Amino acid sequence: MRQGEHAGITGVTFGSDGQTLVGVLYLARGGAPKPTALLLHGCPGLEQNRDLAAALRDRGWNALVFHYRGCWGSGGPRPSAAP
């Protein structure tokens, strides 16, 4: 693969209100700019939408799936259920 081309997945971290969140970025093939989908999973840690992220990547989209605060290595307190 030439420099600047992508296809696959890579781990990512980013800050949110002083906490470090972790996730996975699915990168579509090619070096040109691509649309990117942000996939939010259901109950923290249960469904991560990896199958949907891979399908988007295979169709030319980038997809970011991240873990909520306090889940699967992301910093901060685990979110509580709404009252």
C-alpha atoms as a PDB file:
ATOM      1  CA  MET A   1       0.000   0.000   0.000  1.00  0.00           C
ATOM      2  CA  ARG A   2       1.367   3.446  -0.859  1.00  0.00           C
ATOM      3  CA  GLN A   3       1.890   6.085   1.819  1.00  0.00           C
ATOM      4  CA  GLY A   4      -1.341   8.001   2.436  1.00  0.00           C
ATOM      5  CA  GLU A   5      -3.582   5.062   1.587  1.00  0.00           C
ATOM      6  CA  HIS A   6      -5.611   3.338   4.268  1.00  0.00           C
ATOM      7  CA  ALA A   7      -7.686   0.234   4.710  1.00  0.00           C
ATOM      8  CA  GLY A   8      -8.256  -1.345   8.049  1.00  0.00           C
ATOM      9  CA  ILE A   9      -8.642  -0.265  11.642  1.00  0.00           C
ATOM     10  CA  THR A  10      -6.597   1.683  14.154  1.00  0.00           C
ATOM     11  CA  GLY A  11      -7.007   2.512  17.824  1.00  0.00           C
ATOM     12  CA  VAL A  12      -7.653   6.148  18.753  1.00  0.00           C
ATOM     13  CA  THR A  13      -7.885   8.267  21.893  1.00  0.00           C
ATOM     14  CA  PHE A  14      -9.332  11.753  22.299  1.00  0.00           C
ATOM     15  CA  GLY A  15     -10.231  14.126  25.099  1.00  0.00           C
ATOM     16  CA  SER A  16     -13.718  14.891  26.364  1.00  0.00           C
ATOM     17  CA  ASP A  17     -14.266  17.251  29.303  1.00  0.00           C
ATOM     18  CA  GLY A  18     -10.907  16.347  30.822  1.00  0.00           C
ATOM     19  CA  GLN A  19     -11.281  12.574  30.310  1.00  0.00           C
ATOM     20  CA  THR A  20      -9.556  10.357  27.729  1.00  0.00           C
ATOM     21  CA  LEU A  21     -11.954   8.281  25.626  1.00  0.00           C
ATOM     22  CA  VAL A  22     -10.802   5.305  23.579  1.00  0.00           C
ATOM     23  CA  GLY A  23     -12.187   3.945  20.361  1.00  0.00           C
ATOM     24  CA  VAL A  24     -11.543   2.352  17.011  1.00  0.00           C
ATOM     25  CA  LEU A  25     -11.341   4.154  13.681  1.00  0.00           C
ATOM     26  CA  TYR A  26     -12.210   2.095  10.604  1.00  0.00           C
ATOM     27  CA  LEU A  27     -10.399   3.608   7.617  1.00  0.00           C
ATOM     28  CA  ALA A  28     -11.564   3.147   4.035  1.00  0.00           C
ATOM     29  CA  ARG A  29      -9.024   2.467   1.293  1.00  0.00           C
ATOM     30  CA  GLY A  30      -7.380   5.366  -0.528  1.00  0.00           C
ATOM     31  CA  GLY A  31      -5.795   8.649   0.415  1.00  0.00           C
ATOM     32  CA  ALA A  32      -8.568  10.993  -0.756  1.00  0.00           C
ATOM     33  CA  PRO A  33     -10.940  12.591   1.790  1.00  0.00           C
ATOM     34  CA  LYS A  34     -13.952  10.425   2.636  1.00  0.00           C
ATOM     35  CA  PRO A  35     -17.208  10.807   4.520  1.00  0.00           C
ATOM     36  CA  THR A  36     -16.950   9.671   8.136  1.00  0.00           C
ATOM     37  CA  ALA A  37     -19.698   8.194  10.311  1.00  0.00           C
ATOM     38  CA  LEU A  38     -19.693   8.426  14.111  1.00  0.00           C
ATOM     39  CA  LEU A  39     -21.335   5.264  15.471  1.00  0.00           C
ATOM     40  CA  LEU A  40     -22.828   5.426  18.965  1.00  0.00           C
ATOM     41  CA  HIS A  41     -23.520   2.087  20.576  1.00  0.00           C
ATOM     42  CA  GLY A  42     -26.435   1.259  22.856  1.00  0.00           C
ATOM     43  CA  CYS A  43     -26.000   0.409  26.529  1.00  0.00           C
ATOM     44  CA  PRO A  44     -22.391   1.159  27.446  1.00  0.00           C
ATOM     45  CA  GLY A  45     -20.202  -1.744  26.433  1.00  0.00           C
ATOM     46  CA  LEU A  46     -22.871  -4.090  25.073  1.00  0.00           C
ATOM     47  CA  GLU A  47     -23.278  -3.449  21.347  1.00  0.00           C
ATOM     48  CA  GLN A  48     -20.365  -1.771  19.605  1.00  0.00           C
ATOM     49  CA  ASN A  49     -21.569  -1.790  15.977  1.00  0.00           C
ATOM     50  CA  ARG A  50     -18.284  -3.219  14.692  1.00  0.00           C
ATOM     51  CA  ASP A  51     -20.123  -5.053  11.910  1.00  0.00           C
ATOM     52  CA  LEU A  52     -21.721  -1.809  10.726  1.00  0.00           C
ATOM     53  CA  ALA A  53     -18.386   0.030  10.964  1.00  0.00           C
ATOM     54  CA  ALA A  54     -16.673  -2.630   8.820  1.00  0.00           C
ATOM     55  CA  ALA A  55     -19.504  -2.532   6.258  1.00  0.00           C
ATOM     56  CA  LEU A  56     -19.216   1.270   6.000  1.00  0.00           C
ATOM     57  CA  ARG A  57     -15.437   1.033   5.594  1.00  0.00           C
ATOM     58  CA  ASP A  58     -15.821  -1.544   2.834  1.00  0.00           C
ATOM     59  CA  ARG A  59     -18.174   0.865   1.020  1.00  0.00           C
ATOM     60  CA  GLY A  60     -15.772   3.818   1.090  1.00  0.00           C
ATOM     61  CA  TRP A  61     -16.637   5.485   4.418  1.00  0.00           C
ATOM     62  CA  ASN A  62     -14.511   5.961   7.507  1.00  0.00           C
ATOM     63  CA  ALA A  63     -16.266   5.034  10.764  1.00  0.00           C
ATOM     64  CA  LEU A  64     -15.426   5.918  14.370  1.00  0.00           C
ATOM     65  CA  VAL A  65     -16.741   3.771  17.220  1.00  0.00           C
ATOM     66  CA  PHE A  66     -15.782   5.009  20.689  1.00  0.00           C
ATOM     67  CA  HIS A  67     -16.361   3.821  24.234  1.00  0.00           C
ATOM     68  CA  TYR A  68     -18.368   5.967  26.636  1.00  0.00           C
ATOM     69  CA  ARG A  69     -16.805   7.363  29.810  1.00  0.00           C
ATOM     70  CA  GLY A  70     -16.005   4.678  32.342  1.00  0.00           C
ATOM     71  CA  CYS A  71     -16.434   1.833  29.809  1.00  0.00           C
ATOM     72  CA  TRP A  72     -13.851  -0.411  28.148  1.00  0.00           C
ATOM     73  CA  GLY A  73     -10.844   1.685  29.147  1.00  0.00           C
ATOM     74  CA  SER A  74     -12.277   5.184  28.676  1.00  0.00           C
ATOM     75  CA  GLY A  75     -11.669   7.522  31.601  1.00  0.00           C
ATOM     76  CA  GLY A  76     -14.228   9.006  33.922  1.00  0.00           C
ATOM     77  CA  PRO A  77     -17.248   7.679  35.766  1.00  0.00           C
ATOM     78  CA  ARG A  78     -19.530   5.217  34.052  1.00  0.00           C
ATOM     79  CA  PRO A  79     -22.741   6.953  32.871  1.00  0.00           C
ATOM     80  CA  SER A  80     -25.784   6.351  35.012  1.00  0.00           C
ATOM     81  CA  ALA A  81     -29.280   5.556  33.769  1.00  0.00           C
ATOM     82  CA  ALA A  82     -31.632   8.489  33.274  1.00  0.00           C
ATOM     83  CA  PRO A  83     -34.026   9.016  36.190  1.00  0.00           C
END
